[in-house]
C-alpha atoms as a PDB file:
ATOM      1  CA  MET A   1     116.290 174.762 121.707  1.00  0.00           C
ATOM      2  CA  ARG A   2     118.783 173.135 119.384  1.00  0.00           C
ATOM      3  CA  ARG A   3     120.439 171.443 122.333  1.00  0.00           C
ATOM      4  CA  PHE A   4     117.134 169.750 123.264  1.00  0.00           C
ATOM      5  CA  LEU A   5     115.943 169.140 119.706  1.00  0.00           C
ATOM      6  CA  THR A   6     118.751 166.792 118.702  1.00  0.00           C
ATOM      7  CA  PRO A   7     118.309 164.345 121.620  1.00  0.00           C
ATOM      8  CA  LEU A   8     114.557 164.475 121.074  1.00  0.00           C
ATOM      9  CA  VAL A   9     114.920 163.541 117.420  1.00  0.00           C
ATOM     10  CA  ILE A  10     117.290 160.721 118.341  1.00  0.00           C
ATOM     11  CA  LEU A  11     114.878 159.467 121.002  1.00  0.00           C
ATOM     12  CA  LEU A  12     111.979 159.638 118.547  1.00  0.00           C
ATOM     13  CA  ALA A  13     113.942 157.716 115.912  1.00  0.00           C
ATOM     14  CA  LEU A  14     114.844 155.113 118.519  1.00  0.00           C
ATOM     15  CA  VAL A  15     111.190 154.748 119.530  1.00  0.00           C
ATOM     16  CA  ILE A  16     110.076 154.408 115.902  1.00  0.00           C
ATOM     17  CA  TYR A  17     112.830 151.874 115.209  1.00  0.00           C
ATOM     18  CA  SER A  18     111.904 149.804 118.245  1.00  0.00           C
ATOM     19  CA  SER A  19     108.266 149.912 117.131  1.00  0.00           C
ATOM     20  CA  LEU A  20     109.013 148.223 113.827  1.00  0.00           C
ATOM     21  CA  ILE A  21     109.266 144.433 113.558  1.00  0.00           C
ATOM     22  CA  VAL A  22     110.050 142.334 110.513  1.00  0.00           C
ATOM     23  CA  VAL A  23     108.868 138.764 110.169  1.00  0.00           C
ATOM     24  CA  GLN A  24     111.051 136.966 107.627  1.00  0.00           C
ATOM     25  CA  GLU A  25     109.697 134.627 104.980  1.00  0.00           C
ATOM     26  CA  GLY A  26     109.425 131.114 106.386  1.00  0.00           C
ATOM     27  CA  SER A  27     108.624 132.375 109.879  1.00  0.00           C
ATOM     28  CA  ARG A  28     105.595 133.437 111.864  1.00  0.00           C
ATOM     29  CA  GLY A  29     105.430 135.728 114.888  1.00  0.00           C
ATOM     30  CA  ILE A  30     103.603 135.565 118.220  1.00  0.00           C
ATOM     31  CA  MET A  31     103.274 138.941 119.982  1.00  0.00           C
ATOM     32  CA  LEU A  32     103.798 139.042 123.752  1.00  0.00           C
ATOM     33  CA  ARG A  33     102.725 142.003 125.851  1.00  0.00           C
ATOM     34  CA  PHE A  34     104.286 142.011 129.283  1.00  0.00           C
ATOM     35  CA  GLY A  35     105.059 138.334 128.649  1.00  0.00           C
ATOM     36  CA  LYS A  36     101.437 137.468 127.916  1.00  0.00           C
ATOM     37  CA  VAL A  37     100.299 136.244 124.528  1.00  0.00           C
ATOM     38  CA  GLN A  38      98.151 138.684 122.604  1.00  0.00           C
ATOM     39  CA  ARG A  39      94.764 137.340 121.585  1.00  0.00           C
ATOM     40  CA  ASP A  40      92.011 138.677 119.362  1.00  0.00           C
ATOM     41  CA  ALA A  41      88.311 139.164 120.141  1.00  0.00           C
ATOM     42  CA  ASP A  42      87.690 135.424 119.685  1.00  0.00           C
ATOM     43  CA  ASN A  43      90.435 134.630 122.217  1.00  0.00           C
ATOM     44  CA  LYS A  44      92.674 133.254 119.489  1.00  0.00           C
ATOM     45  CA  VAL A  45      96.401 133.840 119.520  1.00  0.00           C
ATOM     46  CA  VAL A  46      97.372 136.579 117.100  1.00  0.00           C
ATOM     47  CA  VAL A  47      99.860 135.273 114.519  1.00  0.00           C
ATOM     48  CA  TYR A  48     101.935 137.704 112.486  1.00  0.00           C
ATOM     49  CA  GLU A  49     102.567 136.753 108.869  1.00  0.00           C
ATOM     50  CA  PRO A  50     105.837 137.570 107.050  1.00  0.00           C
ATOM     51  CA  GLY A  51     106.239 141.306 106.491  1.00  0.00           C
ATOM     52  CA  LEU A  52     106.600 144.592 108.357  1.00  0.00           C
ATOM     53  CA  HIS A  53     104.561 145.093 111.546  1.00  0.00           C
ATOM     54  CA  PHE A  54     104.325 147.567 114.429  1.00  0.00           C
ATOM     55  CA  LYS A  55     104.451 146.997 118.161  1.00  0.00           C
ATOM     56  CA  LEU A  56     104.523 149.026 121.333  1.00  0.00           C
ATOM     57  CA  PRO A  57     108.153 149.728 122.113  1.00  0.00           C
ATOM     58  CA  PHE A  58     109.598 148.346 125.333  1.00  0.00           C
ATOM     59  CA  ILE A  59     106.234 146.695 126.086  1.00  0.00           C
ATOM     60  CA  ASP A  60     105.646 144.187 123.308  1.00  0.00           C
ATOM     61  CA  SER A  61     108.057 141.461 122.231  1.00  0.00           C
ATOM     62  CA  LEU A  62     107.884 139.092 119.293  1.00  0.00           C
ATOM     63  CA  LYS A  63     108.425 135.320 119.444  1.00  0.00           C
ATOM     64  CA  LEU A  64     109.407 133.966 116.033  1.00  0.00           C
ATOM     65  CA  LEU A  65     108.390 130.433 115.045  1.00  0.00           C
ATOM     66  CA  ASP A  66     109.828 128.499 112.116  1.00  0.00           C
ATOM     67  CA  ALA A  67     107.122 127.729 109.538  1.00  0.00           C
ATOM     68  CA  ARG A  68     109.328 125.461 107.428  1.00  0.00           C
ATOM     69  CA  ILE A  69     109.213 121.669 107.396  1.00  0.00           C
ATOM     70  CA  GLN A  70     111.094 120.167 110.319  1.00  0.00           C
ATOM     71  CA  THR A  71     112.681 116.725 110.703  1.00  0.00           C
ATOM     72  CA  LEU A  72     112.371 114.586 113.803  1.00  0.00           C
ATOM     73  CA  ASP A  73     115.075 111.917 113.620  1.00  0.00           C
ATOM     74  CA  GLY A  74     115.666 109.995 116.807  1.00  0.00           C
ATOM     75  CA  GLN A  75     117.216 106.690 117.738  1.00  0.00           C
ATOM     76  CA  ALA A  76     115.742 103.294 116.940  1.00  0.00           C
ATOM     77  CA  ASP A  77     113.020 102.085 119.309  1.00  0.00           C
ATOM     78  CA  ARG A  78     111.929  98.566 120.186  1.00  0.00           C
ATOM     79  CA  PHE A  79     108.439  97.478 119.119  1.00  0.00           C
ATOM     80  CA  VAL A  80     106.578  94.167 119.457  1.00  0.00           C
ATOM     81  CA  THR A  81     104.880  92.436 116.514  1.00  0.00           C
ATOM     82  CA  VAL A  82     101.679  90.410 116.570  1.00  0.00           C
ATOM     83  CA  GLU A  83     103.908  87.322 116.973  1.00  0.00           C
ATOM     84  CA  LYS A  84     105.287  88.779 120.221  1.00  0.00           C
ATOM     85  CA  LYS A  85     108.685  89.305 118.574  1.00  0.00           C
ATOM     86  CA  ASP A  86     110.765  92.418 119.199  1.00  0.00           C
ATOM     87  CA  LEU A  87     111.906  94.672 116.356  1.00  0.00           C
ATOM     88  CA  LEU A  88     114.251  97.639 116.391  1.00  0.00           C
ATOM     89  CA  VAL A  89     112.631 100.250 114.137  1.00  0.00           C
ATOM     90  CA  ASP A  90     114.577 103.339 113.109  1.00  0.00           C
ATOM     91  CA  SER A  91     112.306 106.026 111.679  1.00  0.00           C
ATOM     92  CA  TYR A  92     112.075 109.729 111.044  1.00  0.00           C
ATOM     93  CA  VAL A  93     109.182 112.187 110.734  1.00  0.00           C
ATOM     94  CA  LYS A  94     108.726 115.283 108.585  1.00  0.00           C
ATOM     95  CA  TRP A  95     106.460 117.839 110.252  1.00  0.00           C
ATOM     96  CA  ARG A  96     105.558 121.515 110.318  1.00  0.00           C
ATOM     97  CA  ILE A  97     103.513 123.868 112.445  1.00  0.00           C
ATOM     98  CA  SER A  98      99.903 124.060 111.269  1.00  0.00           C
ATOM     99  CA  ASP A  99      98.473 126.158 114.116  1.00  0.00           C
ATOM    100  CA  PHE A 100     101.076 128.570 115.513  1.00  0.00           C
ATOM    101  CA  GLY A 101      98.948 129.741 118.401  1.00  0.00           C
ATOM    102  CA  ARG A 102      98.166 126.245 119.577  1.00  0.00           C
ATOM    103  CA  PHE A 103     101.777 125.179 119.038  1.00  0.00           C
ATOM    104  CA  TYR A 104     102.987 128.072 121.167  1.00  0.00           C
ATOM    105  CA  THR A 105     100.685 127.281 124.082  1.00  0.00           C
ATOM    106  CA  ALA A 106     101.033 123.476 123.842  1.00  0.00           C
ATOM    107  CA  THR A 107     104.822 123.523 123.857  1.00  0.00           C
ATOM    108  CA  GLY A 108     105.308 125.975 126.663  1.00  0.00           C
ATOM    109  CA  GLY A 109     106.098 129.061 124.623  1.00  0.00           C
ATOM    110  CA  GLY A 110     107.289 127.507 121.360  1.00  0.00           C
ATOM    111  CA  ASP A 111     109.927 125.232 122.898  1.00  0.00           C
ATOM    112  CA  TYR A 112     111.085 123.029 120.034  1.00  0.00           C
ATOM    113  CA  THR A 113     112.748 120.541 122.385  1.00  0.00           C
ATOM    114  CA  GLN A 114     109.490 119.963 124.202  1.00  0.00           C
ATOM    115  CA  ALA A 115     107.655 119.834 120.863  1.00  0.00           C
ATOM    116  CA  SER A 116     110.066 117.122 119.638  1.00  0.00           C
ATOM    117  CA  ASN A 117     109.573 115.109 122.823  1.00  0.00           C
ATOM    118  CA  LEU A 118     105.774 115.312 122.615  1.00  0.00           C
ATOM    119  CA  LEU A 119     105.763 114.479 118.914  1.00  0.00           C
ATOM    120  CA  LYS A 120     108.203 111.594 119.404  1.00  0.00           C
ATOM    121  CA  ARG A 121     105.926 110.108 122.052  1.00  0.00           C
ATOM    122  CA  LYS A 122     102.907 110.245 119.761  1.00  0.00           C
ATOM    123  CA  VAL A 123     104.860 108.805 116.816  1.00  0.00           C
ATOM    124  CA  ASN A 124     106.170 105.928 118.942  1.00  0.00           C
ATOM    125  CA  ASP A 125     102.689 105.153 120.246  1.00  0.00           C
ATOM    126  CA  ARG A 126     101.341 105.094 116.692  1.00  0.00           C
ATOM    127  CA  LEU A 127     104.185 102.952 115.338  1.00  0.00           C
ATOM    128  CA  ARG A 128     103.792 100.583 118.275  1.00  0.00           C
ATOM    129  CA  SER A 129     100.108 100.187 117.457  1.00  0.00           C
ATOM    130  CA  GLU A 130     100.787  99.665 113.735  1.00  0.00           C
ATOM    131  CA  THR A 131     103.611  97.201 114.406  1.00  0.00           C
ATOM    132  CA  GLY A 132     101.602  95.254 116.971  1.00  0.00           C
ATOM    133  CA  SER A 133      98.975  94.372 114.353  1.00  0.00           C
ATOM    134  CA  ARG A 134     101.443  92.941 111.797  1.00  0.00           C
ATOM    135  CA  THR A 135     103.859  90.044 111.481  1.00  0.00           C
ATOM    136  CA  ILE A 136     107.603  90.384 110.957  1.00  0.00           C
ATOM    137  CA  LYS A 137     107.237  89.248 107.355  1.00  0.00           C
ATOM    138  CA  ASP A 138     104.601  91.905 106.654  1.00  0.00           C
ATOM    139  CA  ILE A 139     106.679  94.672 108.199  1.00  0.00           C
ATOM    140  CA  VAL A 140     109.956  93.707 106.536  1.00  0.00           C
ATOM    141  CA  SER A 141     108.710  93.026 103.020  1.00  0.00           C
ATOM    142  CA  GLY A 142     104.974  93.163 102.630  1.00  0.00           C
ATOM    143  CA  THR A 143     103.117  96.107 104.133  1.00  0.00           C
ATOM    144  CA  ARG A 144     105.803  98.570 105.215  1.00  0.00           C
ATOM    145  CA  GLY A 145     104.258 101.223 102.972  1.00  0.00           C
ATOM    146  CA  GLU A 146     100.835 100.628 104.496  1.00  0.00           C
ATOM    147  CA  LEU A 147     102.353 100.852 107.980  1.00  0.00           C
ATOM    148  CA  MET A 148     103.933 104.249 107.271  1.00  0.00           C
ATOM    149  CA  GLU A 149     100.823 105.600 105.559  1.00  0.00           C
ATOM    150  CA  GLY A 150      98.593 104.349 108.370  1.00  0.00           C
ATOM    151  CA  ALA A 151     100.820 105.975 110.985  1.00  0.00           C
ATOM    152  CA  LYS A 152     100.806 109.294 109.105  1.00  0.00           C
ATOM    153  CA  LYS A 153      97.022 109.270 108.708  1.00  0.00           C
ATOM    154  CA  ALA A 154      96.421 108.417 112.360  1.00  0.00           C
ATOM    155  CA  LEU A 155      98.813 111.107 113.576  1.00  0.00           C
ATOM    156  CA  ASN A 156      97.000 113.760 111.560  1.00  0.00           C
ATOM    157  CA  SER A 157      93.402 112.720 112.142  1.00  0.00           C
ATOM    158  CA  GLY A 158      93.289 110.030 114.817  1.00  0.00           C
ATOM    159  CA  GLN A 159      92.027 110.211 118.360  1.00  0.00           C
ATOM    160  CA  ASP A 160      95.475 111.107 119.698  1.00  0.00           C
ATOM    161  CA  SER A 161      96.541 113.243 116.722  1.00  0.00           C
ATOM    162  CA  THR A 162      99.246 115.872 116.644  1.00  0.00           C
ATOM    163  CA  ALA A 163      96.643 118.554 115.869  1.00  0.00           C
ATOM    164  CA  GLU A 164      96.401 119.241 119.602  1.00  0.00           C
ATOM    165  CA  LEU A 165     100.038 120.318 119.405  1.00  0.00           C
ATOM    166  CA  GLY A 166      99.385 122.524 116.383  1.00  0.00           C
ATOM    167  CA  ILE A 167     101.542 120.173 114.277  1.00  0.00           C
ATOM    168  CA  GLU A 168     100.867 118.582 110.902  1.00  0.00           C
ATOM    169  CA  VAL A 169     102.791 115.400 110.063  1.00  0.00           C
ATOM    170  CA  ILE A 170     103.988 115.547 106.461  1.00  0.00           C
ATOM    171  CA  ASP A 171     105.553 112.108 106.259  1.00  0.00           C
ATOM    172  CA  VAL A 172     106.534 109.117 108.370  1.00  0.00           C
ATOM    173  CA  ARG A 173     109.412 107.032 107.059  1.00  0.00           C
ATOM    174  CA  ILE A 174     111.033 103.855 108.343  1.00  0.00           C
ATOM    175  CA  LYS A 175     114.752 103.949 107.615  1.00  0.00           C
ATOM    176  CA  GLN A 176     115.778 100.577 108.934  1.00  0.00           C
ATOM    177  CA  ILE A 177     114.315  97.527 110.647  1.00  0.00           C
ATOM    178  CA  ASN A 178     116.568  95.259 112.686  1.00  0.00           C
ATOM    179  CA  MET A 179     115.963  92.406 115.033  1.00  0.00           C
ATOM    180  CA  PRO A 180     117.656  91.965 118.406  1.00  0.00           C
ATOM    181  CA  ASP A 181     120.328  89.292 118.481  1.00  0.00           C
ATOM    182  CA  GLU A 182     118.183  86.800 120.370  1.00  0.00           C
ATOM    183  CA  VAL A 183     115.283  87.302 117.960  1.00  0.00           C
ATOM    184  CA  SER A 184     117.570  87.112 114.904  1.00  0.00           C
ATOM    185  CA  SER A 185     118.933  83.757 116.068  1.00  0.00           C
ATOM    186  CA  SER A 186     115.443  82.416 116.718  1.00  0.00           C
ATOM    187  CA  ILE A 187     114.160  83.608 113.335  1.00  0.00           C
ATOM    188  CA  TYR A 188     117.214  82.151 111.586  1.00  0.00           C
ATOM    189  CA  GLN A 189     116.751  78.763 113.220  1.00  0.00           C
ATOM    190  CA  ARG A 190     113.058  78.727 112.356  1.00  0.00           C
ATOM    191  CA  MET A 191     113.717  79.730 108.751  1.00  0.00           C
ATOM    192  CA  ARG A 192     116.403  77.061 108.477  1.00  0.00           C
ATOM    193  CA  ALA A 193     114.033  74.421 109.862  1.00  0.00           C
ATOM    194  CA  GLU A 194     111.342  75.512 107.384  1.00  0.00           C
ATOM    195  CA  ARG A 195     113.797  75.362 104.460  1.00  0.00           C
ATOM    196  CA  ASP A 196     115.030  71.933 105.584  1.00  0.00           C
ATOM    197  CA  ALA A 197     111.435  70.692 105.726  1.00  0.00           C
ATOM    198  CA  VAL A 198     110.760  72.052 102.235  1.00  0.00           C
ATOM    199  CA  ALA A 199     113.984  70.447 100.947  1.00  0.00           C
ATOM    200  CA  ARG A 200     113.025  67.088 102.458  1.00  0.00           C
ATOM    201  CA  GLU A 201     109.594  67.320 100.902  1.00  0.00           C
ATOM    202  CA  HIS A 202     111.086  68.116  97.487  1.00  0.00           C
ATOM    203  CA  ARG A 203     113.546  65.233  97.784  1.00  0.00           C
ATOM    204  CA  SER A 204     110.767  62.863  98.794  1.00  0.00           C
ATOM    205  CA  GLN A 205     108.619  63.978  95.890  1.00  0.00           C
ATOM    206  CA  GLY A 206     111.599  63.620  93.549  1.00  0.00           C
ATOM    207  CA  LYS A 207     112.313  60.075  94.729  1.00  0.00           C
ATOM    208  CA  GLU A 208     108.649  59.160  94.384  1.00  0.00           C
ATOM    209  CA  LYS A 209     108.547  60.548  90.853  1.00  0.00           C
ATOM    210  CA  ALA A 210     111.841  58.835  89.988  1.00  0.00           C
ATOM    211  CA  ALA A 211     110.491  55.483  91.219  1.00  0.00           C
ATOM    212  CA  PHE A 212     107.321  55.993  89.186  1.00  0.00           C
ATOM    213  CA  ILE A 213     109.322  56.867  86.055  1.00  0.00           C
ATOM    214  CA  GLN A 214     111.674  53.898  86.611  1.00  0.00           C
ATOM    215  CA  ALA A 215     108.739  51.522  87.043  1.00  0.00           C
ATOM    216  CA  ASP A 216     107.102  52.862  83.900  1.00  0.00           C
ATOM    217  CA  VAL A 217     110.351  52.487  81.946  1.00  0.00           C
ATOM    218  CA  ASP A 218     110.870  48.934  83.263  1.00  0.00           C
ATOM    219  CA  ARG A 219     107.333  48.055  82.257  1.00  0.00           C
ATOM    220  CA  LYS A 220     107.859  49.431  78.772  1.00  0.00           C
ATOM    221  CA  VAL A 221     111.221  47.630  78.437  1.00  0.00           C
ATOM    222  CA  THR A 222     109.650  44.351  79.559  1.00  0.00           C
ATOM    223  CA  LEU A 223     106.770  44.814  77.139  1.00  0.00           C
ATOM    224  CA  ILE A 224     109.081  45.700  74.242  1.00  0.00           C
ATOM    225  CA  THR A 225     111.381  42.750  75.041  1.00  0.00           C
ATOM    226  CA  ALA A 226     108.442  40.361  75.258  1.00  0.00           C
ATOM    227  CA  ASN A 227     107.026  41.600  71.972  1.00  0.00           C
ATOM    228  CA  ALA A 228     110.471  41.346  70.372  1.00  0.00           C
ATOM    229  CA  ASN A 229     110.960  37.781  71.677  1.00  0.00           C
ATOM    230  CA  LYS A 230     107.504  36.839  70.512  1.00  0.00           C
ATOM    231  CA  LYS A 231     108.192  38.277  67.066  1.00  0.00           C
ATOM    232  CA  ALA A 232     111.584  36.551  66.977  1.00  0.00           C
ATOM    233  CA  GLN A 233     110.017  33.211  67.922  1.00  0.00           C
ATOM    234  CA  GLU A 234     107.397  33.691  65.258  1.00  0.00           C
ATOM    235  CA  LEU A 235     110.012  34.564  62.650  1.00  0.00           C
ATOM    236  CA  ARG A 236     112.243  31.682  63.794  1.00  0.00           C
ATOM    237  CA  GLY A 237     109.316  29.279  63.610  1.00  0.00           C
ATOM    238  CA  GLU A 238     108.363  30.535  60.192  1.00  0.00           C
ATOM    239  CA  GLY A 239     112.021  30.194  59.092  1.00  0.00           C
ATOM    240  CA  ASP A 240     112.304  26.690  60.518  1.00  0.00           C
ATOM    241  CA  ALA A 241     109.031  25.699  58.866  1.00  0.00           C
ATOM    242  CA  THR A 242     110.170  27.159  55.544  1.00  0.00           C
ATOM    243  CA  ALA A 243     113.562  25.428  55.854  1.00  0.00           C
ATOM    244  CA  ALA A 244     111.915  22.127  56.778  1.00  0.00           C
ATOM    245  CA  LYS A 245     109.587  22.458  53.818  1.00  0.00           C
ATOM    246  CA  LEU A 246     112.485  23.229  51.521  1.00  0.00           C
ATOM    247  CA  TYR A 247     114.440  20.269  52.901  1.00  0.00           C
ATOM    248  CA  ALA A 248     111.399  18.024  52.622  1.00  0.00           C
ATOM    249  CA  ASP A 249     110.701  19.124  49.088  1.00  0.00           C
ATOM    250  CA  ALA A 250     114.354  18.729  48.096  1.00  0.00           C
ATOM    251  CA  PHE A 251     114.940  15.420  49.797  1.00  0.00           C
ATOM    252  CA  GLY A 252     111.513  14.081  48.918  1.00  0.00           C
ATOM    253  CA  SER A 253     112.369  14.230  45.256  1.00  0.00           C
ATOM    254  CA  GLU A 254     115.670  12.330  45.862  1.00  0.00           C
ATOM    255  CA  PRO A 255     115.305   9.932  48.812  1.00  0.00           C
ATOM    256  CA  GLU A 256     118.586   8.227  48.128  1.00  0.00           C
ATOM    257  CA  PHE A 257     120.458  11.496  48.096  1.00  0.00           C
ATOM    258  CA  TYR A 258     118.773  12.504  51.359  1.00  0.00           C
ATOM    259  CA  SER A 259     119.817   9.226  52.920  1.00  0.00           C
ATOM    260  CA  PHE A 260     123.357   9.780  51.695  1.00  0.00           C
ATOM    261  CA  VAL A 261     123.505  13.321  53.192  1.00  0.00           C
ATOM    262  CA  ARG A 262     122.192  12.083  56.522  1.00  0.00           C
ATOM    263  CA  SER A 263     124.784   9.323  56.616  1.00  0.00           C
ATOM    264  CA  LEU A 264     127.556  11.833  55.908  1.00  0.00           C
ATOM    265  CA  LYS A 265     126.279  14.009  58.738  1.00  0.00           C
ATOM    266  CA  ALA A 266     126.257  10.987  61.028  1.00  0.00           C
ATOM    267  CA  TYR A 267     129.829  10.160  60.015  1.00  0.00           C
ATOM    268  CA  GLU A 268     130.879  13.738  60.742  1.00  0.00           C
ATOM    269  CA  ASN A 269     129.310  13.706  64.189  1.00  0.00           C
ATOM    270  CA  SER A 270     130.710  10.291  65.024  1.00  0.00           C
ATOM    271  CA  PHE A 271     134.309  11.099  64.188  1.00  0.00           C
ATOM    272  CA  ALA A 272     134.311  14.697  65.467  1.00  0.00           C
ATOM    273  CA  GLY A 273     135.412  13.885  69.043  1.00  0.00           C
ATOM    274  CA  SER A 274     138.628  12.387  70.354  1.00  0.00           C
ATOM    275  CA  ASP A 275     136.843   9.250  71.500  1.00  0.00           C
ATOM    276  CA  ASN A 276     135.896   7.882  68.088  1.00  0.00           C
ATOM    277  CA  MET A 277     135.980   4.164  68.806  1.00  0.00           C
ATOM    278  CA  MET A 278     132.904   2.274  67.640  1.00  0.00           C
ATOM    279  CA  ILE A 279     132.142  -1.413  67.621  1.00  0.00           C
ATOM    280  CA  LEU A 280     129.965  -2.321  64.683  1.00  0.00           C
ATOM    281  CA  LYS A 281     129.428  -5.297  62.474  1.00  0.00           C
ATOM    282  CA  PRO A 282     131.159  -5.068  59.128  1.00  0.00           C
ATOM    283  CA  ASP A 283     127.897  -5.469  57.321  1.00  0.00           C
ATOM    284  CA  SER A 284     126.181  -2.816  59.425  1.00  0.00           C
ATOM    285  CA  GLU A 285     123.892  -0.424  57.663  1.00  0.00           C
ATOM    286  CA  PHE A 286     126.037   2.401  59.119  1.00  0.00           C
ATOM    287  CA  PHE A 287     128.861   1.502  56.722  1.00  0.00           C
ATOM    288  CA  ARG A 288     126.611   1.183  53.739  1.00  0.00           C
ATOM    289  CA  PHE A 289     128.146   4.162  51.956  1.00  0.00           C
ATOM    290  CA  MET A 290     131.682   3.196  52.956  1.00  0.00           C
ATOM    291  CA  GLN A 291     131.565  -0.193  51.327  1.00  0.00           C
ATOM    292  CA  ALA A 292     132.620  -0.738  47.799  1.00  0.00           C
ATOM    293  CA  PRO A 293     129.770  -1.196  45.405  1.00  0.00           C
ATOM    294  CA  LYS A 294     128.962  -4.795  44.647  1.00  0.00           C
ATOM    295  CA  LYS A 295     129.742  -6.015  41.179  1.00  0.00           C
END
């Protein structure tokens, strides 16, 4: 009996051990019986939560699925904007399994490679739709956040959502946006032409304003000069009138003295030049003050 009891105990322990399954934290299990997925009364796939579970030894097998957040990071893809310009968009997606039963059946038995391919196709379709409704300027600087949020929302709740794959999209992020060489050259030339046009417009406006300022300054200078000349003429006239009055008053009181001063001035003017020859009669009135007084 002891010879048979020991192998029996070992066989029983082996059966019990093979009947126990442990689902680790961060994972979920799908039970397969003879390779067929176990379902409940409602025909839903039975999903095993983390913990200790039992199975039929040598009949049932457990397929573990990762319940943690996954990252889908592929290569940059080419998309077309509303301006019919190509862009190279490099993005990544954070996702996790939301329905393990549906994920298992939709991906051919929980094949993560197939799941990545299916998800990548849906993400590209969504990004292509979002990009096709925006301009390059909006995507590069204006509404990139709206584009990513719109893609995430559509992937989770749109007509062609990832729910049919049992996947929930946590986040869609655009890492980098580049333009193909031919598009970059075209955009650069267009931007340069636009900047040149703006520069020409600014220069034209500057010249127009400069001409206006110069004309205004010239007008003010002319007006100030005219007013100054007018004031100077008035002051000169007043000075000449005052001087004439003073001379008239002074010489009017002494006519003889005035006549004498005028004769001296005439002498000065007559003999100032090199040609000072004059032909006059000796008794001319011009020499009245040069003649000796009569006794």
